[in-house]
């Protein structure tokens, strides 16, 4: 919500609270006249036309002075937020997928090394000897 909408909502709340507090002090004749006026106003009220939403594409080359129809300001804002959230969500999902894939690759490499070590004829203590590691690095 924008600060203007917040200000309008706060004003409406204060106005409603003030009206509610002062209705008890109105004389009964005034309350009857207000009820009759409200009934007359509701009787004369025209039914609201129901219309389907019209979506108009917004082009990058559209001049700024032309009015854009079809979207209400709140709906346009929610669509814009949704449009900004999609790339962010795709980025997060892809980063999680990449991290998972790299973890699987690292696990597979360690499993291959462990399998090679366990299938070899040398005892495991030979791999713990630093001199033997130097020998293996020179040998390959």
C-alpha atoms as a PDB file:
ATOM      1  CA  UNK A   1       0.000   0.000   0.000  1.00  0.00           C
ATOM      2  CA  UNK A   2       1.170   3.477  -0.739  1.00  0.00           C
ATOM      3  CA  UNK A   3       1.376   6.205   1.855  1.00  0.00           C
ATOM      4  CA  UNK A   4      -1.582   7.973   0.199  1.00  0.00           C
ATOM      5  CA  UNK A   5      -3.759   4.857   0.578  1.00  0.00           C
ATOM      6  CA  UNK A   6      -2.636   4.480   4.195  1.00  0.00           C
ATOM      7  CA  UNK A   7      -3.513   8.108   4.868  1.00  0.00           C
ATOM      8  CA  UNK A   8      -6.947   7.703   3.278  1.00  0.00           C
ATOM      9  CA  UNK A   9      -7.658   4.536   5.268  1.00  0.00           C
ATOM     10  CA  UNK A  10      -6.611   6.193   8.521  1.00  0.00           C
ATOM     11  CA  UNK A  11      -8.850   9.196   7.752  1.00  0.00           C
ATOM     12  CA  UNK A  12     -11.793   6.877   7.011  1.00  0.00           C
ATOM     13  CA  UNK A  13     -11.248   5.011  10.289  1.00  0.00           C
ATOM     14  CA  UNK A  14     -11.146   8.256  12.282  1.00  0.00           C
ATOM     15  CA  UNK A  15     -14.244   9.589  10.532  1.00  0.00           C
ATOM     16  CA  UNK A  16     -16.180   6.362  11.153  1.00  0.00           C
ATOM     17  CA  UNK A  17     -15.123   6.339  14.813  1.00  0.00           C
ATOM     18  CA  UNK A  18     -16.247   9.994  15.250  1.00  0.00           C
ATOM     19  CA  UNK A  19     -19.590   9.314  13.563  1.00  0.00           C
ATOM     20  CA  UNK A  20     -20.174   6.195  15.663  1.00  0.00           C
ATOM     21  CA  UNK A  21     -19.429   8.099  18.874  1.00  0.00           C
ATOM     22  CA  UNK A  22     -21.804  10.950  18.022  1.00  0.00           C
ATOM     23  CA  UNK A  23     -24.788   8.917  16.790  1.00  0.00           C
ATOM     24  CA  UNK A  24     -25.907   8.173  20.337  1.00  0.00           C
ATOM     25  CA  UNK A  25     -26.352  11.887  21.049  1.00  0.00           C
ATOM     26  CA  UNK A  26     -28.632  12.545  18.030  1.00  0.00           C
ATOM     27  CA  UNK A  27     -32.321  13.170  18.735  1.00  0.00           C
ATOM     28  CA  UNK A  28     -34.705  10.394  17.569  1.00  0.00           C
ATOM     29  CA  UNK A  29     -36.346  12.695  14.985  1.00  0.00           C
ATOM     30  CA  UNK A  30     -32.969  13.283  13.300  1.00  0.00           C
ATOM     31  CA  UNK A  31     -32.219   9.548  13.283  1.00  0.00           C
ATOM     32  CA  UNK A  32     -35.609   8.893  11.631  1.00  0.00           C
ATOM     33  CA  UNK A  33     -34.982  11.568   8.971  1.00  0.00           C
ATOM     34  CA  UNK A  34     -31.497  10.151   8.256  1.00  0.00           C
ATOM     35  CA  UNK A  35     -32.931   6.638   7.907  1.00  0.00           C
ATOM     36  CA  UNK A  36     -35.603   7.901   5.490  1.00  0.00           C
ATOM     37  CA  UNK A  37     -32.995   9.798   3.442  1.00  0.00           C
ATOM     38  CA  UNK A  38     -30.792   6.718   3.269  1.00  0.00           C
ATOM     39  CA  UNK A  39     -33.698   4.567   2.129  1.00  0.00           C
ATOM     40  CA  UNK A  40     -34.584   7.088  -0.582  1.00  0.00           C
ATOM     41  CA  UNK A  41     -30.977   7.236  -1.760  1.00  0.00           C
ATOM     42  CA  UNK A  42     -30.729   3.451  -1.933  1.00  0.00           C
ATOM     43  CA  UNK A  43     -33.992   3.300  -3.898  1.00  0.00           C
ATOM     44  CA  UNK A  44     -32.633   5.746  -6.501  1.00  0.00           C
ATOM     45  CA  UNK A  45     -29.260   4.073  -6.767  1.00  0.00           C
ATOM     46  CA  UNK A  46     -28.542   2.715 -10.230  1.00  0.00           C
ATOM     47  CA  UNK A  47     -27.400  -0.889 -10.420  1.00  0.00           C
ATOM     48  CA  UNK A  48     -23.680  -1.209 -11.010  1.00  0.00           C
ATOM     49  CA  UNK A  49     -22.730  -2.432 -14.452  1.00  0.00           C
ATOM     50  CA  UNK A  50     -20.852  -5.714 -14.421  1.00  0.00           C
ATOM     51  CA  UNK A  51     -18.034  -5.746 -16.907  1.00  0.00           C
ATOM     52  CA  UNK A  52     -15.412  -8.317 -17.783  1.00  0.00           C
ATOM     53  CA  UNK A  53     -11.790  -7.268 -17.287  1.00  0.00           C
ATOM     54  CA  UNK A  54     -10.080  -6.040 -20.430  1.00  0.00           C
ATOM     55  CA  UNK A  55      -6.401  -6.797 -20.727  1.00  0.00           C
ATOM     56  CA  UNK A  56      -4.452  -4.391 -22.884  1.00  0.00           C
ATOM     57  CA  UNK A  57      -0.819  -5.223 -23.621  1.00  0.00           C
ATOM     58  CA  UNK A  58       1.619  -2.552 -22.561  1.00  0.00           C
ATOM     59  CA  UNK A  59       4.335  -1.978 -25.132  1.00  0.00           C
ATOM     60  CA  UNK A  60       7.745  -0.567 -24.367  1.00  0.00           C
ATOM     61  CA  UNK A  61       7.368   1.975 -27.160  1.00  0.00           C
ATOM     62  CA  UNK A  62       4.031   3.318 -25.863  1.00  0.00           C
ATOM     63  CA  UNK A  63       4.183   7.052 -25.123  1.00  0.00           C
ATOM     64  CA  UNK A  64       3.940   7.908 -21.429  1.00  0.00           C
ATOM     65  CA  UNK A  65       1.065  10.366 -21.945  1.00  0.00           C
ATOM     66  CA  UNK A  66      -1.391   7.767 -23.242  1.00  0.00           C
ATOM     67  CA  UNK A  67      -3.690   6.261 -20.648  1.00  0.00           C
ATOM     68  CA  UNK A  68      -3.411   2.546 -20.061  1.00  0.00           C
ATOM     69  CA  UNK A  69      -6.770   0.853 -19.702  1.00  0.00           C
ATOM     70  CA  UNK A  70      -7.696  -2.576 -18.450  1.00  0.00           C
ATOM     71  CA  UNK A  71      -5.751  -2.732 -15.206  1.00  0.00           C
ATOM     72  CA  UNK A  72      -6.706  -1.221 -11.930  1.00  0.00           C
ATOM     73  CA  UNK A  73      -3.773   0.277  -9.971  1.00  0.00           C
ATOM     74  CA  UNK A  74      -3.851  -2.420  -7.277  1.00  0.00           C
ATOM     75  CA  UNK A  75      -4.068  -5.245  -9.788  1.00  0.00           C
ATOM     76  CA  UNK A  76      -1.269  -3.761 -11.859  1.00  0.00           C
ATOM     77  CA  UNK A  77       0.913  -3.504  -8.739  1.00  0.00           C
ATOM     78  CA  UNK A  78       0.253  -7.120  -7.722  1.00  0.00           C
ATOM     79  CA  UNK A  79       1.028  -8.337 -11.249  1.00  0.00           C
ATOM     80  CA  UNK A  80       4.231  -6.318 -11.266  1.00  0.00           C
ATOM     81  CA  UNK A  81       5.278  -7.822  -7.913  1.00  0.00           C
ATOM     82  CA  UNK A  82       4.451 -11.290  -9.233  1.00  0.00           C
ATOM     83  CA  UNK A  83       6.477 -10.608 -12.380  1.00  0.00           C
ATOM     84  CA  UNK A  84       9.438  -9.590 -10.225  1.00  0.00           C
ATOM     85  CA  UNK A  85       9.092 -12.637  -7.988  1.00  0.00           C
ATOM     86  CA  UNK A  86       9.255 -15.210 -10.837  1.00  0.00           C
ATOM     87  CA  UNK A  87      12.899 -14.586 -11.817  1.00  0.00           C
ATOM     88  CA  UNK A  88      13.924 -14.508  -8.173  1.00  0.00           C
ATOM     89  CA  UNK A  89      12.150 -17.811  -7.483  1.00  0.00           C
ATOM     90  CA  UNK A  90      13.719 -19.367 -10.603  1.00  0.00           C
ATOM     91  CA  UNK A  91      17.161 -18.192  -9.468  1.00  0.00           C
ATOM     92  CA  UNK A  92      16.722 -19.667  -5.992  1.00  0.00           C
ATOM     93  CA  UNK A  93      15.449 -22.987  -7.369  1.00  0.00           C
ATOM     94  CA  UNK A  94      18.306 -23.202  -9.884  1.00  0.00           C
ATOM     95  CA  UNK A  95      20.925 -22.401  -7.215  1.00  0.00           C
ATOM     96  CA  UNK A  96      19.496 -25.116  -4.971  1.00  0.00           C
ATOM     97  CA  UNK A  97      19.534 -27.534  -7.919  1.00  0.00           C
ATOM     98  CA  UNK A  98      23.156 -26.696  -8.775  1.00  0.00           C
ATOM     99  CA  UNK A  99      24.255 -27.097  -5.151  1.00  0.00           C
ATOM    100  CA  UNK A 100      22.459 -30.467  -4.952  1.00  0.00           C
ATOM    101  CA  UNK A 101      24.027 -31.648  -8.225  1.00  0.00           C
ATOM    102  CA  UNK A 102      27.545 -30.624  -7.114  1.00  0.00           C
ATOM    103  CA  UNK A 103      27.039 -32.405  -3.793  1.00  0.00           C
ATOM    104  CA  UNK A 104      25.992 -35.566  -5.656  1.00  0.00           C
ATOM    105  CA  UNK A 105      29.061 -35.305  -7.907  1.00  0.00           C
ATOM    106  CA  UNK A 106      31.396 -34.876  -4.926  1.00  0.00           C
ATOM    107  CA  UNK A 107      29.759 -37.840  -3.169  1.00  0.00           C
ATOM    108  CA  UNK A 108      30.172 -39.976  -6.300  1.00  0.00           C
ATOM    109  CA  UNK A 109      33.878 -39.029  -6.593  1.00  0.00           C
ATOM    110  CA  UNK A 110      34.517 -39.862  -2.937  1.00  0.00           C
ATOM    111  CA  UNK A 111      32.691 -43.171  -3.386  1.00  0.00           C
ATOM    112  CA  UNK A 112      34.924 -44.002  -6.375  1.00  0.00           C
ATOM    113  CA  UNK A 113      38.057 -43.179  -4.380  1.00  0.00           C
ATOM    114  CA  UNK A 114      36.840 -45.256  -1.439  1.00  0.00           C
ATOM    115  CA  UNK A 115      36.000 -48.174  -3.725  1.00  0.00           C
ATOM    116  CA  UNK A 116      39.440 -47.981  -5.356  1.00  0.00           C
ATOM    117  CA  UNK A 117      41.153 -47.868  -1.961  1.00  0.00           C
ATOM    118  CA  UNK A 118      39.141 -50.752  -0.550  1.00  0.00           C
ATOM    119  CA  UNK A 119      39.659 -52.945  -3.618  1.00  0.00           C
ATOM    120  CA  UNK A 120      43.451 -52.395  -3.577  1.00  0.00           C
ATOM    121  CA  UNK A 121      45.859 -54.870  -1.971  1.00  0.00           C
ATOM    122  CA  UNK A 122      47.559 -52.257   0.241  1.00  0.00           C
ATOM    123  CA  UNK A 123      46.505 -51.910   3.864  1.00  0.00           C
ATOM    124  CA  UNK A 124      44.714 -48.687   4.841  1.00  0.00           C
ATOM    125  CA  UNK A 125      47.649 -47.591   7.042  1.00  0.00           C
ATOM    126  CA  UNK A 126      49.775 -47.253   3.908  1.00  0.00           C
ATOM    127  CA  UNK A 127      47.525 -44.431   2.712  1.00  0.00           C
ATOM    128  CA  UNK A 128      47.987 -42.597   6.025  1.00  0.00           C
ATOM    129  CA  UNK A 129      51.782 -42.512   5.595  1.00  0.00           C
ATOM    130  CA  UNK A 130      52.860 -39.122   4.197  1.00  0.00           C
ATOM    131  CA  UNK A 131      55.815 -40.629   2.421  1.00  0.00           C
ATOM    132  CA  UNK A 132      53.558 -43.072   0.618  1.00  0.00           C
ATOM    133  CA  UNK A 133      51.320 -40.199  -0.544  1.00  0.00           C
ATOM    134  CA  UNK A 134      54.411 -38.466  -1.939  1.00  0.00           C
ATOM    135  CA  UNK A 135      55.381 -41.712  -3.694  1.00  0.00           C
ATOM    136  CA  UNK A 136      51.893 -42.016  -5.208  1.00  0.00           C
ATOM    137  CA  UNK A 137      51.926 -38.406  -6.457  1.00  0.00           C
ATOM    138  CA  UNK A 138      55.380 -38.963  -8.093  1.00  0.00           C
ATOM    139  CA  UNK A 139      54.352 -42.296  -9.544  1.00  0.00           C
ATOM    140  CA  UNK A 140      51.338 -40.902 -11.373  1.00  0.00           C
END
